[in-house]
Structure formats: structure tokens, C-alpha cells
Amino acid sequence: MIKKSPLKMVDPPFEFGRPNFIGRDFLLQDPTMPRKIDSFLIDTLGDLRLFYPEFNSWVSNVVIPSIISGERSIILEYRQGDLAGLAILKDSLAEKKLCCLQVMPKFQGSGIGLSLFEKSFDLLNTKSPLLSISEEQKNSFAKIFKYYGFEFSEYYHEYYRPLKNELSFNGLLK
């Protein structure tokens, strides 16, 4: 899922500075870090519940455990000392997926999204990761999907929300 919305700015609750990458090693350096990252993601990206009602549960029960297992990671971009955007990636044998990409309101239109796409491609070792968006976002992302040559794959009726479609690109949702 990729989303541009008027989200609030949340400072990372890390004692370890402002990391550019959160992976297994980062989470395991402190026993309280998984809980801190969980809270940070939910606070920072909480408005995504409007498009993905189970978002908080997904973060707590899927993202955090799969970062610990080494299957997922997070890229963070900062500008002027502030969090400008982040991407959540899944890199498994079965799937290379850009799960979530968010540019903070203050930085929308500044190239942060392009930077996050490029870094995601590098980390996933592919220029065509699987990703999905809600139907309301189709027009917002048409230009960037065309730029990167993303191929529409499938409509999923009521996949996340009643009466709404989810659209996948570069592959099928599992």
C-alpha cells in the first residue's frame, strides 16, 4: 500500500539517533526496541487505518515479528532533521514487496517518494516489486507507476474494506 495523506509528524522514539534503516539487528540491539518501533509506526502511519482497518494489527502482528525474522525492513528518510518519509519492505523467497510508502505532508512533492522508491528497489534487488493501493489512490499514483513501468495486475473487491477495491501492480496479492 502506498499513501499520501495529511499525517502528523511524529519524532522517532529511538535513543540511537535517527536511523536510515530498521532491520533485524536494529530491533534486537535493545529489548524494548520492537515495542518502540511498533508504537512509532502506529503513531506515524495511524491514518492508514482509513484505508486499511486492520493496519495496527498488521504492524504489531506481522511487520514487527517479520523484521525480527529478517523478512521485512524499514527505510527512513530525513530532511532538515525531520522524518520526511518511510517505506516498509518485504523481502522473502516468495515475495519482494513494497508494503507501504509514506511521504510526510511537509515533504510531499519534494522528491522523497522517488528516493524511497529507488532505495526500495536497491534493497529488494528489483525494479518491479509487488505493491498495492486502494482504488482512491489510483489517479494520484498513475504518473509514478507509468514512470517506473509498473504493470497493473489485478483488482481485489473488498480485500481490505467493504465496497472498495484494492489494486495490485507487478504481481498478485497472496
N, C-alpha and C. Protein backbone atom coordinates (compact mmCIF):
# COMPACT_ATOMS: atom_id res chain seq x y z
N MET A 1 0.83 -1.16 0.00
CA MET A 1 0.00 0.00 0.00
C MET A 1 0.88 1.23 0.00
N ILE A 2 0.49 2.20 -0.76
CA ILE A 2 1.22 3.45 -0.84
C ILE A 2 0.22 4.55 -0.57
N LYS A 3 0.61 5.53 0.21
CA LYS A 3 -0.37 6.50 0.64
C LYS A 3 0.26 7.86 0.78
N LYS A 4 -0.40 8.87 0.28
CA LYS A 4 -0.06 10.26 0.57
C LYS A 4 -1.25 10.84 1.31
N SER A 5 -1.05 11.29 2.52
CA SER A 5 -2.16 11.85 3.30
C SER A 5 -1.64 12.90 4.25
N PRO A 6 -2.55 13.62 4.87
CA PRO A 6 -2.12 14.65 5.82
C PRO A 6 -1.80 14.06 7.18
N LEU A 7 -0.79 13.22 7.26
CA LEU A 7 -0.41 12.61 8.52
C LEU A 7 0.37 13.59 9.38
N LYS A 8 0.30 13.37 10.68
CA LYS A 8 1.06 14.22 11.60
C LYS A 8 2.52 13.78 11.64
N MET A 9 3.37 14.68 12.02
CA MET A 9 4.79 14.36 12.18
C MET A 9 5.00 13.77 13.57
N VAL A 10 5.69 12.66 13.63
CA VAL A 10 5.99 12.02 14.91
C VAL A 10 7.49 11.82 14.98
N ASP A 11 8.10 12.27 16.05
CA ASP A 11 9.53 12.07 16.22
C ASP A 11 9.81 10.62 16.58
N PRO A 12 10.83 10.03 15.98
CA PRO A 12 11.19 8.66 16.34
C PRO A 12 11.56 8.57 17.82
N PRO A 13 11.08 7.54 18.52
CA PRO A 13 11.36 7.38 19.94
C PRO A 13 12.63 6.59 20.19
N PHE A 14 13.63 6.74 19.35
CA PHE A 14 14.83 5.93 19.47
C PHE A 14 15.90 6.69 20.23
N GLU A 15 16.56 6.00 21.10
CA GLU A 15 17.70 6.60 21.78
C GLU A 15 18.95 6.54 20.90
N PHE A 16 18.85 5.86 19.78
CA PHE A 16 20.02 5.57 18.96
C PHE A 16 20.09 6.49 17.74
N GLY A 17 19.61 7.70 17.87
CA GLY A 17 19.69 8.65 16.77
C GLY A 17 18.56 8.48 15.78
N ARG A 18 18.81 8.89 14.57
CA ARG A 18 17.80 8.83 13.51
C ARG A 18 18.29 7.83 12.45
N PRO A 19 17.91 6.57 12.61
CA PRO A 19 18.41 5.56 11.68
C PRO A 19 17.80 5.72 10.29
N ASN A 20 18.55 5.34 9.27
CA ASN A 20 18.04 5.33 7.90
C ASN A 20 17.47 3.97 7.53
N PHE A 21 17.77 2.96 8.35
CA PHE A 21 17.33 1.60 8.06
C PHE A 21 17.02 0.89 9.37
N ILE A 22 15.86 0.25 9.40
CA ILE A 22 15.49 -0.56 10.56
C ILE A 22 15.32 -1.98 10.08
N GLY A 23 16.19 -2.83 10.56
CA GLY A 23 16.14 -4.25 10.25
C GLY A 23 16.29 -5.05 11.53
N ARG A 24 16.54 -6.31 11.37
CA ARG A 24 16.64 -7.24 12.50
C ARG A 24 17.67 -6.77 13.53
N ASP A 25 18.85 -6.42 13.09
CA ASP A 25 19.91 -6.02 14.03
C ASP A 25 19.51 -4.79 14.83
N PHE A 26 18.86 -3.84 14.20
CA PHE A 26 18.42 -2.64 14.91
C PHE A 26 17.41 -3.00 16.00
N LEU A 27 16.44 -3.84 15.66
CA LEU A 27 15.41 -4.20 16.65
C LEU A 27 15.97 -4.99 17.81
N LEU A 28 16.98 -5.80 17.55
CA LEU A 28 17.49 -6.68 18.60
C LEU A 28 18.57 -6.05 19.46
N GLN A 29 18.96 -4.80 19.19
CA GLN A 29 20.01 -4.15 19.99
C GLN A 29 19.50 -3.74 21.37
N ASP A 30 18.19 -3.69 21.54
CA ASP A 30 17.60 -3.26 22.81
C ASP A 30 16.28 -4.03 22.95
N PRO A 31 16.04 -4.69 24.07
CA PRO A 31 14.81 -5.48 24.21
C PRO A 31 13.52 -4.65 24.13
N THR A 32 13.60 -3.35 24.34
CA THR A 32 12.39 -2.51 24.25
C THR A 32 12.16 -1.96 22.84
N MET A 33 13.13 -2.18 21.94
CA MET A 33 13.04 -1.58 20.61
C MET A 33 11.84 -2.07 19.80
N PRO A 34 11.51 -3.36 19.77
CA PRO A 34 10.33 -3.77 18.98
C PRO A 34 9.06 -3.02 19.40
N ARG A 35 8.85 -2.86 20.69
CA ARG A 35 7.67 -2.14 21.16
C ARG A 35 7.74 -0.67 20.75
N LYS A 36 8.92 -0.07 20.81
CA LYS A 36 9.08 1.33 20.42
C LYS A 36 8.81 1.53 18.93
N ILE A 37 9.32 0.63 18.11
CA ILE A 37 9.11 0.73 16.66
C ILE A 37 7.63 0.51 16.34
N ASP A 38 7.02 -0.45 17.01
CA ASP A 38 5.59 -0.70 16.83
C ASP A 38 4.78 0.57 17.12
N SER A 39 5.02 1.18 18.26
CA SER A 39 4.31 2.41 18.63
C SER A 39 4.61 3.54 17.65
N PHE A 40 5.86 3.67 17.27
CA PHE A 40 6.26 4.71 16.32
C PHE A 40 5.51 4.56 15.00
N LEU A 41 5.47 3.34 14.45
CA LEU A 41 4.78 3.13 13.18
C LEU A 41 3.29 3.41 13.28
N ILE A 42 2.68 2.94 14.35
CA ILE A 42 1.24 3.16 14.53
C ILE A 42 0.94 4.64 14.71
N ASP A 43 1.77 5.34 15.48
CA ASP A 43 1.57 6.78 15.65
C ASP A 43 1.81 7.56 14.36
N THR A 44 2.86 7.19 13.64
CA THR A 44 3.24 7.91 12.43
C THR A 44 2.29 7.63 11.27
N LEU A 45 1.87 6.39 11.15
CA LEU A 45 1.08 5.98 9.99
C LEU A 45 -0.37 5.66 10.34
N GLY A 46 -0.80 6.07 11.50
CA GLY A 46 -2.12 5.70 12.00
C GLY A 46 -3.29 6.06 11.12
N ASP A 47 -3.15 7.11 10.31
CA ASP A 47 -4.25 7.48 9.43
C ASP A 47 -4.49 6.45 8.33
N LEU A 48 -3.56 5.55 8.14
CA LEU A 48 -3.75 4.50 7.14
C LEU A 48 -4.89 3.56 7.52
N ARG A 49 -5.34 3.63 8.79
CA ARG A 49 -6.50 2.84 9.21
C ARG A 49 -7.73 3.19 8.39
N LEU A 50 -7.77 4.40 7.84
CA LEU A 50 -8.90 4.79 6.99
C LEU A 50 -8.99 3.91 5.75
N PHE A 51 -7.85 3.48 5.22
CA PHE A 51 -7.80 2.64 4.03
C PHE A 51 -7.60 1.17 4.37
N TYR A 52 -6.99 0.90 5.51
CA TYR A 52 -6.65 -0.45 5.92
C TYR A 52 -7.05 -0.65 7.38
N PRO A 53 -8.31 -1.06 7.63
CA PRO A 53 -8.84 -1.13 9.00
C PRO A 53 -8.02 -1.97 9.97
N GLU A 54 -7.30 -2.94 9.48
CA GLU A 54 -6.50 -3.81 10.35
C GLU A 54 -5.04 -3.36 10.40
N PHE A 55 -4.79 -2.10 10.08
CA PHE A 55 -3.41 -1.61 9.99
C PHE A 55 -2.62 -1.81 11.28
N ASN A 56 -3.18 -1.41 12.42
CA ASN A 56 -2.45 -1.52 13.69
C ASN A 56 -2.09 -2.97 13.99
N SER A 57 -3.04 -3.87 13.77
CA SER A 57 -2.80 -5.30 13.99
C SER A 57 -1.71 -5.81 13.05
N TRP A 58 -1.74 -5.36 11.79
CA TRP A 58 -0.72 -5.75 10.82
C TRP A 58 0.67 -5.32 11.29
N VAL A 59 0.79 -4.09 11.76
CA VAL A 59 2.09 -3.61 12.25
C VAL A 59 2.56 -4.48 13.41
N SER A 60 1.70 -4.66 14.41
CA SER A 60 2.10 -5.37 15.63
C SER A 60 2.32 -6.87 15.42
N ASN A 61 1.48 -7.48 14.60
CA ASN A 61 1.49 -8.94 14.49
C ASN A 61 2.18 -9.48 13.25
N VAL A 62 2.46 -8.61 12.28
CA VAL A 62 3.12 -9.06 11.06
C VAL A 62 4.44 -8.32 10.85
N VAL A 63 4.40 -6.99 10.83
CA VAL A 63 5.61 -6.23 10.50
C VAL A 63 6.71 -6.44 11.54
N ILE A 64 6.41 -6.18 12.80
CA ILE A 64 7.45 -6.29 13.83
C ILE A 64 8.03 -7.70 13.90
N PRO A 65 7.21 -8.76 13.99
CA PRO A 65 7.80 -10.11 14.00
C PRO A 65 8.61 -10.44 12.74
N SER A 66 8.17 -9.94 11.58
CA SER A 66 8.92 -10.27 10.38
C SER A 66 10.17 -9.40 10.19
N ILE A 67 10.26 -8.27 10.88
CA ILE A 67 11.54 -7.55 10.93
C ILE A 67 12.50 -8.39 11.78
N ILE A 68 12.02 -8.90 12.89
CA ILE A 68 12.86 -9.73 13.77
C ILE A 68 13.34 -10.97 13.03
N SER A 69 12.48 -11.55 12.21
CA SER A 69 12.88 -12.76 11.46
C SER A 69 13.78 -12.44 10.27
N GLY A 70 13.90 -11.16 9.92
CA GLY A 70 14.75 -10.76 8.80
C GLY A 70 14.03 -10.66 7.47
N GLU A 71 12.71 -10.85 7.47
CA GLU A 71 11.94 -10.84 6.22
C GLU A 71 11.49 -9.44 5.81
N ARG A 72 11.38 -8.54 6.76
CA ARG A 72 10.94 -7.17 6.46
C ARG A 72 11.97 -6.19 6.99
N SER A 73 11.88 -4.97 6.48
CA SER A 73 12.73 -3.88 6.94
C SER A 73 12.03 -2.56 6.66
N ILE A 74 12.58 -1.51 7.23
CA ILE A 74 12.03 -0.17 7.06
C ILE A 74 13.14 0.78 6.64
N ILE A 75 12.85 1.58 5.63
CA ILE A 75 13.75 2.65 5.20
C ILE A 75 13.16 3.95 5.71
N LEU A 76 14.00 4.81 6.30
CA LEU A 76 13.55 6.12 6.76
C LEU A 76 14.37 7.19 6.06
N GLU A 77 13.71 8.26 5.66
CA GLU A 77 14.35 9.43 5.04
C GLU A 77 14.12 10.63 5.93
N TYR A 78 15.17 11.39 6.16
CA TYR A 78 15.08 12.61 6.96
C TYR A 78 15.51 13.80 6.12
N ARG A 79 14.88 14.93 6.37
CA ARG A 79 15.28 16.19 5.76
C ARG A 79 15.14 17.26 6.83
N GLN A 80 16.13 18.11 6.91
CA GLN A 80 16.11 19.22 7.86
C GLN A 80 15.84 18.72 9.29
N GLY A 81 16.36 17.53 9.60
CA GLY A 81 16.20 16.97 10.94
C GLY A 81 14.86 16.32 11.22
N ASP A 82 13.95 16.33 10.26
CA ASP A 82 12.62 15.76 10.45
C ASP A 82 12.45 14.48 9.63
N LEU A 83 11.61 13.58 10.12
CA LEU A 83 11.25 12.42 9.33
C LEU A 83 10.47 12.91 8.11
N ALA A 84 10.97 12.59 6.92
CA ALA A 84 10.33 13.04 5.68
C ALA A 84 9.51 11.94 5.03
N GLY A 85 9.87 10.69 5.28
CA GLY A 85 9.14 9.58 4.69
C GLY A 85 9.72 8.26 5.12
N LEU A 86 8.96 7.21 4.85
CA LEU A 86 9.44 5.87 5.17
C LEU A 86 8.80 4.86 4.25
N ALA A 87 9.46 3.72 4.13
CA ALA A 87 8.94 2.60 3.34
C ALA A 87 9.12 1.32 4.15
N ILE A 88 8.11 0.47 4.11
CA ILE A 88 8.18 -0.85 4.74
C ILE A 88 8.28 -1.87 3.61
N LEU A 89 9.31 -2.71 3.67
CA LEU A 89 9.60 -3.67 2.61
C LEU A 89 9.47 -5.10 3.11
N LYS A 90 9.09 -5.99 2.21
CA LYS A 90 9.10 -7.42 2.48
C LYS A 90 10.00 -8.06 1.44
N ASP A 91 11.00 -8.80 1.91
CA ASP A 91 11.94 -9.46 1.02
C ASP A 91 12.05 -10.91 1.47
N SER A 92 11.24 -11.77 0.84
CA SER A 92 11.27 -13.19 1.16
C SER A 92 11.51 -13.98 -0.11
N LEU A 93 11.69 -15.28 0.02
CA LEU A 93 11.87 -16.12 -1.17
C LEU A 93 10.63 -16.06 -2.06
N ALA A 94 9.46 -15.94 -1.44
CA ALA A 94 8.20 -15.95 -2.19
C ALA A 94 7.80 -14.58 -2.72
N GLU A 95 8.32 -13.53 -2.12
CA GLU A 95 7.77 -12.21 -2.45
C GLU A 95 8.77 -11.07 -2.20
N LYS A 96 8.83 -10.17 -3.16
CA LYS A 96 9.55 -8.91 -3.00
C LYS A 96 8.49 -7.82 -3.12
N LYS A 97 8.19 -7.19 -1.98
CA LYS A 97 7.03 -6.31 -1.94
C LYS A 97 7.34 -4.99 -1.26
N LEU A 98 6.87 -3.93 -1.85
CA LEU A 98 6.87 -2.61 -1.23
C LEU A 98 5.53 -2.50 -0.52
N CYS A 99 5.54 -2.76 0.78
CA CYS A 99 4.30 -2.88 1.57
C CYS A 99 3.66 -1.54 1.86
N CYS A 100 4.47 -0.54 2.10
CA CYS A 100 3.95 0.76 2.49
C CYS A 100 5.01 1.81 2.17
N LEU A 101 4.58 2.90 1.58
CA LEU A 101 5.48 4.02 1.33
C LEU A 101 4.72 5.28 1.70
N GLN A 102 5.29 6.07 2.59
CA GLN A 102 4.61 7.26 3.08
C GLN A 102 5.56 8.46 3.04
N VAL A 103 5.11 9.52 2.41
CA VAL A 103 5.82 10.79 2.45
C VAL A 103 5.04 11.71 3.38
N MET A 104 5.73 12.29 4.35
CA MET A 104 5.07 13.17 5.31
C MET A 104 4.59 14.44 4.61
N PRO A 105 3.50 15.00 5.07
CA PRO A 105 2.87 16.14 4.38
C PRO A 105 3.82 17.29 4.06
N LYS A 106 4.65 17.65 5.00
CA LYS A 106 5.58 18.77 4.83
C LYS A 106 6.54 18.55 3.66
N PHE A 107 6.75 17.27 3.28
CA PHE A 107 7.75 16.94 2.27
C PHE A 107 7.16 16.40 0.97
N GLN A 108 5.85 16.38 0.86
CA GLN A 108 5.24 15.89 -0.37
C GLN A 108 5.60 16.80 -1.53
N GLY A 109 5.93 16.19 -2.66
CA GLY A 109 6.33 16.94 -3.84
C GLY A 109 7.80 17.33 -3.85
N SER A 110 8.58 16.85 -2.89
CA SER A 110 9.99 17.24 -2.78
C SER A 110 10.97 16.19 -3.31
N GLY A 111 10.46 15.07 -3.82
CA GLY A 111 11.34 14.02 -4.32
C GLY A 111 11.61 12.91 -3.31
N ILE A 112 11.07 13.02 -2.11
CA ILE A 112 11.27 11.99 -1.09
C ILE A 112 10.71 10.65 -1.57
N GLY A 113 9.52 10.69 -2.18
CA GLY A 113 8.91 9.46 -2.68
C GLY A 113 9.80 8.76 -3.69
N LEU A 114 10.36 9.51 -4.63
CA LEU A 114 11.26 8.93 -5.63
C LEU A 114 12.48 8.31 -4.96
N SER A 115 13.03 9.02 -3.98
CA SER A 115 14.19 8.49 -3.26
C SER A 115 13.84 7.18 -2.56
N LEU A 116 12.67 7.14 -1.93
CA LEU A 116 12.25 5.92 -1.24
C LEU A 116 12.01 4.77 -2.22
N PHE A 117 11.42 5.07 -3.39
CA PHE A 117 11.25 4.04 -4.40
C PHE A 117 12.61 3.48 -4.81
N GLU A 118 13.55 4.37 -5.12
CA GLU A 118 14.87 3.93 -5.59
C GLU A 118 15.60 3.08 -4.52
N LYS A 119 15.55 3.52 -3.28
CA LYS A 119 16.20 2.75 -2.21
C LYS A 119 15.50 1.42 -2.01
N SER A 120 14.17 1.41 -2.15
CA SER A 120 13.42 0.15 -2.04
C SER A 120 13.83 -0.82 -3.14
N PHE A 121 13.95 -0.31 -4.37
CA PHE A 121 14.38 -1.16 -5.48
C PHE A 121 15.75 -1.76 -5.21
N ASP A 122 16.66 -0.94 -4.67
CA ASP A 122 18.02 -1.43 -4.38
C ASP A 122 17.99 -2.52 -3.32
N LEU A 123 17.27 -2.28 -2.22
CA LEU A 123 17.23 -3.27 -1.15
C LEU A 123 16.51 -4.55 -1.56
N LEU A 124 15.47 -4.44 -2.38
CA LEU A 124 14.74 -5.61 -2.82
C LEU A 124 15.39 -6.27 -4.04
N ASN A 125 16.37 -5.58 -4.62
CA ASN A 125 17.07 -6.07 -5.80
C ASN A 125 16.11 -6.33 -6.97
N THR A 126 15.15 -5.40 -7.15
CA THR A 126 14.22 -5.46 -8.26
C THR A 126 13.67 -4.06 -8.55
N LYS A 127 13.40 -3.81 -9.81
CA LYS A 127 12.77 -2.55 -10.22
C LYS A 127 11.26 -2.71 -10.31
N SER A 128 10.76 -3.91 -10.04
CA SER A 128 9.31 -4.14 -10.16
C SER A 128 8.77 -4.93 -8.96
N PRO A 129 8.85 -4.34 -7.78
CA PRO A 129 8.30 -5.05 -6.62
C PRO A 129 6.78 -5.09 -6.68
N LEU A 130 6.21 -6.09 -6.05
CA LEU A 130 4.77 -6.15 -5.87
C LEU A 130 4.36 -5.00 -4.97
N LEU A 131 3.24 -4.37 -5.28
CA LEU A 131 2.66 -3.37 -4.38
C LEU A 131 1.19 -3.26 -4.70
N SER A 132 0.46 -2.70 -3.74
CA SER A 132 -0.97 -2.47 -3.96
C SER A 132 -1.36 -1.11 -3.40
N ILE A 133 -2.46 -0.60 -3.95
CA ILE A 133 -3.00 0.67 -3.50
C ILE A 133 -4.52 0.55 -3.42
N SER A 134 -5.13 1.39 -2.62
CA SER A 134 -6.59 1.45 -2.60
C SER A 134 -7.06 2.17 -3.85
N GLU A 135 -8.28 1.86 -4.28
CA GLU A 135 -8.79 2.43 -5.52
C GLU A 135 -8.80 3.95 -5.52
N GLU A 136 -8.96 4.57 -4.36
CA GLU A 136 -8.98 6.03 -4.28
C GLU A 136 -7.65 6.66 -4.65
N GLN A 137 -6.59 5.88 -4.60
CA GLN A 137 -5.25 6.41 -4.86
C GLN A 137 -4.79 6.22 -6.30
N LYS A 138 -5.60 5.60 -7.11
CA LYS A 138 -5.20 5.25 -8.47
C LYS A 138 -4.70 6.46 -9.26
N ASN A 139 -5.45 7.54 -9.28
CA ASN A 139 -5.04 8.72 -10.05
C ASN A 139 -3.81 9.39 -9.46
N SER A 140 -3.68 9.38 -8.15
CA SER A 140 -2.52 10.00 -7.50
C SER A 140 -1.21 9.33 -7.88
N PHE A 141 -1.27 8.04 -8.18
CA PHE A 141 -0.05 7.30 -8.44
C PHE A 141 0.13 6.88 -9.89
N ALA A 142 -0.79 7.27 -10.76
CA ALA A 142 -0.71 6.87 -12.17
C ALA A 142 0.61 7.32 -12.80
N LYS A 143 1.02 8.56 -12.54
CA LYS A 143 2.23 9.11 -13.16
C LYS A 143 3.49 8.36 -12.71
N ILE A 144 3.60 8.12 -11.41
CA ILE A 144 4.81 7.45 -10.91
C ILE A 144 4.84 5.98 -11.33
N PHE A 145 3.67 5.35 -11.41
CA PHE A 145 3.63 3.96 -11.86
C PHE A 145 4.02 3.87 -13.34
N LYS A 146 3.59 4.85 -14.12
CA LYS A 146 3.97 4.87 -15.53
C LYS A 146 5.48 5.12 -15.66
N TYR A 147 5.99 6.05 -14.87
CA TYR A 147 7.43 6.38 -14.89
C TYR A 147 8.28 5.14 -14.65
N TYR A 148 7.88 4.32 -13.66
CA TYR A 148 8.65 3.13 -13.33
C TYR A 148 8.22 1.89 -14.11
N GLY A 149 7.23 2.02 -14.96
CA GLY A 149 6.80 0.89 -15.77
C GLY A 149 6.06 -0.18 -14.97
N PHE A 150 5.41 0.21 -13.89
CA PHE A 150 4.66 -0.77 -13.10
C PHE A 150 3.49 -1.27 -13.92
N GLU A 151 3.24 -2.56 -13.83
CA GLU A 151 2.17 -3.17 -14.59
C GLU A 151 1.01 -3.53 -13.68
N PHE A 152 -0.19 -3.06 -14.06
CA PHE A 152 -1.38 -3.42 -13.31
C PHE A 152 -1.58 -4.93 -13.39
N SER A 153 -1.93 -5.55 -12.25
CA SER A 153 -2.12 -6.99 -12.23
C SER A 153 -3.56 -7.41 -11.95
N GLU A 154 -4.19 -6.84 -10.90
CA GLU A 154 -5.50 -7.35 -10.51
C GLU A 154 -6.26 -6.36 -9.62
N TYR A 155 -7.59 -6.38 -9.76
CA TYR A 155 -8.50 -5.71 -8.83
C TYR A 155 -8.92 -6.75 -7.80
N TYR A 156 -8.97 -6.35 -6.54
CA TYR A 156 -9.45 -7.21 -5.46
C TYR A 156 -10.62 -6.51 -4.80
N HIS A 157 -11.81 -7.02 -5.04
CA HIS A 157 -13.01 -6.40 -4.48
C HIS A 157 -13.14 -6.76 -3.00
N GLU A 158 -13.27 -5.75 -2.17
CA GLU A 158 -13.46 -5.89 -0.72
C GLU A 158 -12.30 -6.65 -0.04
N TYR A 159 -11.10 -6.47 -0.56
CA TYR A 159 -9.93 -7.15 0.01
C TYR A 159 -9.61 -6.64 1.41
N TYR A 160 -9.66 -5.34 1.59
CA TYR A 160 -9.40 -4.74 2.89
C TYR A 160 -10.62 -4.06 3.48
N ARG A 161 -11.51 -3.53 2.62
CA ARG A 161 -12.67 -2.78 3.11
C ARG A 161 -13.91 -3.14 2.31
N PRO A 162 -15.06 -3.11 2.97
CA PRO A 162 -16.31 -3.36 2.25
C PRO A 162 -16.53 -2.33 1.14
N LEU A 163 -16.98 -2.82 0.00
CA LEU A 163 -17.36 -2.00 -1.16
C LEU A 163 -16.20 -1.23 -1.79
N LYS A 164 -14.98 -1.55 -1.45
CA LYS A 164 -13.81 -0.87 -2.00
C LYS A 164 -12.88 -1.89 -2.66
N ASN A 165 -12.16 -1.42 -3.68
CA ASN A 165 -11.21 -2.26 -4.39
C ASN A 165 -9.78 -1.94 -3.97
N GLU A 166 -8.96 -2.95 -3.99
CA GLU A 166 -7.51 -2.83 -3.85
C GLU A 166 -6.93 -3.22 -5.20
N LEU A 167 -5.94 -2.50 -5.67
CA LEU A 167 -5.33 -2.77 -6.98
C LEU A 167 -3.89 -3.21 -6.76
N SER A 168 -3.51 -4.32 -7.39
CA SER A 168 -2.12 -4.77 -7.26
C SER A 168 -1.38 -4.48 -8.57
N PHE A 169 -0.09 -4.24 -8.41
CA PHE A 169 0.81 -3.97 -9.52
C PHE A 169 2.02 -4.89 -9.41
N ASN A 170 2.51 -5.32 -10.54
CA ASN A 170 3.71 -6.16 -10.62
C ASN A 170 3.53 -7.52 -9.96
N GLY A 171 2.33 -7.99 -9.84
CA GLY A 171 2.10 -9.32 -9.27
C GLY A 171 0.78 -9.38 -8.52
N LEU A 172 0.50 -10.55 -7.99
CA LEU A 172 -0.75 -10.80 -7.31
C LEU A 172 -0.56 -10.83 -5.80
N LEU A 173 -1.55 -10.33 -5.08
CA LEU A 173 -1.53 -10.39 -3.61
C LEU A 173 -1.79 -11.82 -3.18
N LYS A 174 -1.15 -12.21 -2.10
CA LYS A 174 -1.32 -13.59 -1.61
C LYS A 174 -2.15 -13.60 -0.36
